[in-house]
N, C-alpha and C. Protein backbone atom coordinates (compact mmCIF):
# COMPACT_ATOMS: atom_id res chain seq x y z
N UNK A 1 106.45 101.86 75.67
CA UNK A 1 107.06 101.02 76.67
C UNK A 1 108.34 101.67 77.20
N UNK A 2 109.07 102.35 76.32
CA UNK A 2 110.28 103.03 76.77
C UNK A 2 109.96 104.11 77.79
N UNK A 3 108.85 104.81 77.61
CA UNK A 3 108.45 105.84 78.57
C UNK A 3 108.10 105.21 79.91
N UNK A 4 107.44 104.07 79.87
CA UNK A 4 107.12 103.38 81.12
C UNK A 4 108.38 102.93 81.84
N UNK A 5 109.35 102.44 81.09
CA UNK A 5 110.58 101.97 81.71
C UNK A 5 111.39 103.12 82.31
N UNK A 6 111.18 104.32 81.81
CA UNK A 6 111.92 105.48 82.33
C UNK A 6 111.34 105.99 83.64
N UNK A 7 110.11 105.60 83.96
CA UNK A 7 109.49 106.03 85.21
C UNK A 7 110.16 105.33 86.39
N UNK A 8 109.99 105.87 87.60
CA UNK A 8 110.53 105.18 88.79
C UNK A 8 109.99 103.75 88.85
N UNK A 9 110.85 102.84 89.23
CA UNK A 9 110.48 101.43 89.24
C UNK A 9 109.44 101.13 90.32
N UNK A 10 108.39 100.47 89.89
CA UNK A 10 107.42 99.93 90.83
C UNK A 10 107.03 98.57 90.28
N UNK A 11 106.76 97.64 91.16
CA UNK A 11 106.42 96.30 90.71
C UNK A 11 105.13 96.31 89.92
N UNK A 12 104.17 97.10 90.38
CA UNK A 12 102.87 97.14 89.69
C UNK A 12 103.03 97.58 88.24
N UNK A 13 103.75 98.65 88.00
CA UNK A 13 103.95 99.16 86.66
C UNK A 13 104.87 98.24 85.86
N UNK A 14 105.91 97.76 86.48
CA UNK A 14 106.88 96.92 85.79
C UNK A 14 106.29 95.59 85.37
N UNK A 15 105.29 95.13 86.09
CA UNK A 15 104.62 93.89 85.73
C UNK A 15 104.11 93.97 84.29
N UNK A 16 103.52 95.09 83.93
CA UNK A 16 102.99 95.26 82.59
C UNK A 16 104.10 95.38 81.56
N UNK A 17 105.19 96.02 81.93
CA UNK A 17 106.32 96.16 81.01
C UNK A 17 106.94 94.79 80.75
N UNK A 18 107.17 94.01 81.81
CA UNK A 18 107.75 92.68 81.64
C UNK A 18 106.82 91.81 80.80
N UNK A 19 105.54 91.87 81.10
CA UNK A 19 104.56 91.08 80.34
C UNK A 19 104.62 91.45 78.86
N UNK A 20 104.64 92.75 78.58
CA UNK A 20 104.68 93.21 77.18
C UNK A 20 105.97 92.78 76.49
N UNK A 21 107.09 92.93 77.19
CA UNK A 21 108.36 92.50 76.62
C UNK A 21 108.34 91.00 76.32
N UNK A 22 107.84 90.22 77.26
CA UNK A 22 107.81 88.77 77.09
C UNK A 22 106.92 88.37 75.92
N UNK A 23 105.76 88.97 75.84
CA UNK A 23 104.81 88.59 74.80
C UNK A 23 105.19 89.10 73.41
N UNK A 24 106.12 90.06 73.36
CA UNK A 24 106.60 90.52 72.06
C UNK A 24 107.95 89.90 71.70
N UNK A 25 108.34 88.87 72.45
CA UNK A 25 109.53 88.12 72.12
C UNK A 25 110.84 88.71 72.63
N UNK A 26 110.77 89.75 73.44
CA UNK A 26 111.97 90.39 73.98
C UNK A 26 112.31 89.79 75.35
N UNK A 27 112.55 88.49 75.34
CA UNK A 27 112.72 87.74 76.59
C UNK A 27 113.94 88.18 77.39
N UNK A 28 115.04 88.48 76.72
CA UNK A 28 116.25 88.91 77.44
C UNK A 28 115.98 90.20 78.21
N UNK A 29 115.32 91.16 77.56
CA UNK A 29 114.99 92.42 78.24
C UNK A 29 114.02 92.18 79.39
N UNK A 30 113.07 91.29 79.18
CA UNK A 30 112.11 90.98 80.25
C UNK A 30 112.81 90.36 81.44
N UNK A 31 113.74 89.44 81.18
CA UNK A 31 114.48 88.78 82.27
C UNK A 31 115.36 89.77 83.02
N UNK A 32 115.97 90.71 82.31
CA UNK A 32 116.81 91.72 82.96
C UNK A 32 115.97 92.59 83.89
N UNK A 33 114.82 93.04 83.41
CA UNK A 33 113.94 93.85 84.24
C UNK A 33 113.46 93.05 85.45
N UNK A 34 113.13 91.79 85.22
CA UNK A 34 112.69 90.93 86.32
C UNK A 34 113.78 90.80 87.38
N UNK A 35 115.03 90.64 86.96
CA UNK A 35 116.14 90.51 87.92
C UNK A 35 116.25 91.76 88.78
N UNK A 36 116.11 92.94 88.17
CA UNK A 36 116.19 94.17 88.96
C UNK A 36 115.00 94.30 89.90
N UNK A 37 113.83 93.84 89.46
CA UNK A 37 112.65 93.88 90.33
C UNK A 37 112.80 92.93 91.51
N UNK A 38 113.37 91.76 91.22
CA UNK A 38 113.54 90.77 92.29
C UNK A 38 114.46 91.31 93.37
N UNK A 39 115.54 91.99 92.96
CA UNK A 39 116.44 92.60 93.95
C UNK A 39 115.71 93.63 94.79
N UNK A 40 114.87 94.45 94.16
CA UNK A 40 114.12 95.47 94.89
C UNK A 40 113.11 94.81 95.82
N UNK A 41 112.48 93.75 95.36
CA UNK A 41 111.47 93.05 96.17
C UNK A 41 112.08 92.43 97.41
N UNK A 42 113.29 91.91 97.30
CA UNK A 42 113.93 91.25 98.44
C UNK A 42 114.19 92.23 99.57
N UNK A 43 114.24 93.52 99.27
CA UNK A 43 114.48 94.53 100.29
C UNK A 43 113.19 94.96 100.99
N UNK A 44 112.04 94.60 100.42
CA UNK A 44 110.76 94.98 101.00
C UNK A 44 110.46 94.13 102.24
N UNK A 45 109.70 94.71 103.16
CA UNK A 45 109.29 93.96 104.36
C UNK A 45 108.25 92.89 104.04
N UNK A 46 107.38 93.18 103.10
CA UNK A 46 106.37 92.20 102.70
C UNK A 46 106.32 92.14 101.17
N UNK A 47 107.12 91.26 100.59
CA UNK A 47 107.19 91.17 99.13
C UNK A 47 105.83 90.86 98.51
N UNK A 48 105.63 91.32 97.31
CA UNK A 48 104.40 91.09 96.57
C UNK A 48 104.59 89.84 95.71
N UNK A 49 104.41 88.68 96.31
CA UNK A 49 104.64 87.43 95.63
C UNK A 49 103.69 87.21 94.46
N UNK A 50 102.48 87.70 94.57
CA UNK A 50 101.50 87.49 93.50
C UNK A 50 101.95 88.19 92.21
N UNK A 51 102.39 89.41 92.33
CA UNK A 51 102.86 90.13 91.13
C UNK A 51 104.10 89.46 90.54
N UNK A 52 104.97 88.95 91.39
CA UNK A 52 106.13 88.22 90.88
C UNK A 52 105.66 86.95 90.15
N UNK A 53 104.62 86.32 90.67
CA UNK A 53 104.05 85.14 90.00
C UNK A 53 103.51 85.54 88.63
N UNK A 54 102.80 86.65 88.57
CA UNK A 54 102.25 87.12 87.29
C UNK A 54 103.38 87.28 86.26
N UNK A 55 104.47 87.85 86.69
CA UNK A 55 105.59 88.07 85.78
C UNK A 55 106.17 86.74 85.31
N UNK A 56 106.31 85.79 86.22
CA UNK A 56 106.84 84.48 85.82
C UNK A 56 105.88 83.80 84.85
N UNK A 57 104.58 83.94 85.07
CA UNK A 57 103.61 83.37 84.14
C UNK A 57 103.74 84.02 82.76
N UNK A 58 103.96 85.33 82.73
CA UNK A 58 104.13 86.03 81.45
C UNK A 58 105.34 85.51 80.70
N UNK A 59 106.34 85.06 81.43
CA UNK A 59 107.55 84.50 80.83
C UNK A 59 107.43 82.99 80.60
N UNK A 60 106.22 82.47 80.74
CA UNK A 60 105.93 81.04 80.54
C UNK A 60 106.70 80.14 81.50
N UNK A 61 107.01 80.65 82.68
CA UNK A 61 107.68 79.87 83.70
C UNK A 61 106.65 79.50 84.76
N UNK A 62 105.82 78.51 84.42
CA UNK A 62 104.72 78.13 85.31
C UNK A 62 105.20 77.62 86.66
N UNK A 63 106.26 76.84 86.66
CA UNK A 63 106.74 76.27 87.93
C UNK A 63 107.12 77.38 88.91
N UNK A 64 107.90 78.36 88.46
CA UNK A 64 108.29 79.45 89.35
C UNK A 64 107.09 80.32 89.69
N UNK A 65 106.17 80.49 88.74
CA UNK A 65 104.96 81.26 89.01
C UNK A 65 104.14 80.64 90.14
N UNK A 66 103.96 79.33 90.06
CA UNK A 66 103.20 78.66 91.12
C UNK A 66 103.97 78.64 92.43
N UNK A 67 105.29 78.60 92.37
CA UNK A 67 106.09 78.68 93.60
C UNK A 67 105.85 80.03 94.28
N UNK A 68 105.78 81.11 93.50
CA UNK A 68 105.48 82.43 94.06
C UNK A 68 104.06 82.48 94.63
N UNK A 69 103.11 81.84 93.96
CA UNK A 69 101.75 81.82 94.50
C UNK A 69 101.69 81.06 95.81
N UNK A 70 102.47 79.98 95.93
CA UNK A 70 102.53 79.26 97.20
C UNK A 70 103.11 80.15 98.30
N UNK A 71 104.14 80.94 97.95
CA UNK A 71 104.70 81.88 98.92
C UNK A 71 103.67 82.94 99.31
N UNK A 72 102.90 83.38 98.32
CA UNK A 72 101.87 84.38 98.60
C UNK A 72 100.83 83.81 99.56
N UNK A 73 100.46 82.56 99.34
CA UNK A 73 99.49 81.93 100.23
C UNK A 73 100.05 81.82 101.65
N UNK A 74 101.31 81.42 101.75
CA UNK A 74 101.95 81.31 103.07
C UNK A 74 102.04 82.67 103.75
N UNK A 75 102.19 83.74 102.97
CA UNK A 75 102.34 85.10 103.52
C UNK A 75 101.05 85.90 103.38
N UNK A 76 99.92 85.23 103.26
CA UNK A 76 98.66 85.91 102.94
C UNK A 76 98.23 86.95 103.97
N UNK A 77 98.75 86.89 105.16
CA UNK A 77 98.38 87.88 106.17
C UNK A 77 99.36 89.04 106.20
N UNK A 78 100.27 89.07 105.25
CA UNK A 78 101.27 90.14 105.20
C UNK A 78 101.06 91.00 103.97
N UNK A 79 101.04 92.30 104.18
CA UNK A 79 101.04 93.25 103.08
C UNK A 79 99.96 93.02 102.05
N UNK A 80 100.35 93.17 100.81
CA UNK A 80 99.41 93.18 99.71
C UNK A 80 99.00 91.77 99.27
N UNK A 81 99.68 90.75 99.72
CA UNK A 81 99.41 89.40 99.24
C UNK A 81 97.97 88.96 99.47
N UNK A 82 97.37 89.36 100.56
CA UNK A 82 95.99 88.97 100.86
C UNK A 82 95.04 89.47 99.77
N UNK A 83 95.13 90.73 99.46
CA UNK A 83 94.24 91.32 98.45
C UNK A 83 94.51 90.73 97.07
N UNK A 84 95.78 90.60 96.72
CA UNK A 84 96.12 90.11 95.38
C UNK A 84 95.65 88.67 95.17
N UNK A 85 95.79 87.83 96.16
CA UNK A 85 95.32 86.44 96.03
C UNK A 85 93.82 86.39 95.83
N UNK A 86 93.10 87.20 96.57
CA UNK A 86 91.65 87.17 96.52
C UNK A 86 91.10 87.64 95.18
N UNK A 87 91.84 88.48 94.48
CA UNK A 87 91.31 89.08 93.25
C UNK A 87 92.09 88.68 92.00
N UNK A 88 92.71 87.51 92.00
CA UNK A 88 93.49 87.14 90.82
C UNK A 88 92.67 86.41 89.76
N UNK A 89 91.46 85.94 90.06
CA UNK A 89 90.67 85.24 89.06
C UNK A 89 90.40 86.05 87.80
N UNK A 90 90.07 87.33 87.89
CA UNK A 90 89.79 88.06 86.64
C UNK A 90 91.02 88.51 85.86
N UNK A 91 92.21 88.25 86.35
CA UNK A 91 93.42 88.70 85.67
C UNK A 91 93.54 87.92 84.36
N UNK A 92 93.40 88.61 83.25
CA UNK A 92 93.29 87.95 81.94
C UNK A 92 94.53 87.20 81.52
N UNK A 93 95.71 87.63 81.93
CA UNK A 93 96.91 86.92 81.45
C UNK A 93 97.19 85.64 82.22
N UNK A 94 96.34 85.32 83.19
CA UNK A 94 96.47 84.03 83.88
C UNK A 94 95.62 82.95 83.22
N UNK A 95 94.98 83.31 82.13
CA UNK A 95 94.04 82.40 81.49
C UNK A 95 94.62 81.00 81.26
N UNK A 96 95.81 80.91 80.71
CA UNK A 96 96.43 79.59 80.47
C UNK A 96 96.77 78.89 81.77
N UNK A 97 97.17 79.64 82.77
CA UNK A 97 97.56 79.07 84.06
C UNK A 97 96.38 78.48 84.81
N UNK A 98 95.19 79.00 84.57
CA UNK A 98 94.01 78.52 85.29
C UNK A 98 93.68 77.07 84.96
N UNK A 99 94.17 76.57 83.85
CA UNK A 99 93.91 75.18 83.46
C UNK A 99 94.82 74.21 84.21
N UNK A 100 95.85 74.74 84.85
CA UNK A 100 96.81 73.93 85.57
C UNK A 100 96.18 73.45 86.88
N UNK A 101 96.34 72.18 87.22
CA UNK A 101 95.76 71.66 88.47
C UNK A 101 96.26 72.40 89.72
N UNK A 102 97.45 72.99 89.67
CA UNK A 102 97.97 73.73 90.81
C UNK A 102 97.15 74.98 91.07
N UNK A 103 96.64 75.60 90.02
CA UNK A 103 95.79 76.79 90.17
C UNK A 103 94.48 76.39 90.84
N UNK A 104 93.89 75.33 90.35
CA UNK A 104 92.63 74.83 90.90
C UNK A 104 92.81 74.47 92.38
N UNK A 105 93.92 73.82 92.71
CA UNK A 105 94.19 73.43 94.09
C UNK A 105 94.35 74.66 94.99
N UNK A 106 95.03 75.69 94.49
CA UNK A 106 95.19 76.91 95.27
C UNK A 106 93.84 77.58 95.51
N UNK A 107 93.00 77.64 94.48
CA UNK A 107 91.67 78.25 94.63
C UNK A 107 90.87 77.48 95.70
N UNK A 108 90.95 76.17 95.62
CA UNK A 108 90.21 75.34 96.58
C UNK A 108 90.75 75.57 98.00
N UNK A 109 92.08 75.63 98.14
CA UNK A 109 92.71 75.84 99.45
C UNK A 109 92.29 77.19 100.04
N UNK A 110 92.11 78.19 99.17
CA UNK A 110 91.71 79.53 99.63
C UNK A 110 90.21 79.64 99.86
N UNK A 111 89.46 78.60 99.47
CA UNK A 111 88.01 78.64 99.65
C UNK A 111 87.30 79.49 98.62
N UNK A 112 87.94 79.71 97.47
CA UNK A 112 87.33 80.51 96.41
C UNK A 112 86.61 79.62 95.43
N UNK A 113 85.60 80.14 94.76
CA UNK A 113 84.87 79.33 93.79
C UNK A 113 85.76 78.95 92.60
N UNK A 114 85.46 77.82 92.01
CA UNK A 114 86.21 77.36 90.86
C UNK A 114 86.02 78.34 89.69
N UNK A 115 87.04 78.43 88.87
CA UNK A 115 87.00 79.30 87.71
C UNK A 115 86.54 78.49 86.51
N UNK A 116 85.72 79.10 85.68
CA UNK A 116 85.27 78.44 84.46
C UNK A 116 86.41 78.43 83.47
N UNK A 117 86.93 77.25 83.13
CA UNK A 117 88.12 77.13 82.26
C UNK A 117 87.78 76.68 80.85
N UNK A 118 86.75 77.19 80.28
CA UNK A 118 86.38 76.78 78.92
C UNK A 118 87.43 77.10 77.93
């Protein structure tokens, strides 16, 4: 993980680092990395709201995660958000979030098939 953190910052790569830090109990480090990512994202022309949502979900912040997904839906015609929204069902770390009614509502709003939440 230290080698990954030493690489140039990218949201895609950092998503995995934040997730790993959060799931191994290193929440302070995860939050610090997230803060630096958020600053970098705000400078982008089309922020990647879906990846920011993934990071918030990894930190067990469902409310902020769903707020980012709502932003992604609103910005779905901009940048990477369109692709990321369409392909988030197989993302394994969203498993707990899929049981939330907000996830089901978003899937329905996007016209995607319901996810099996066994």
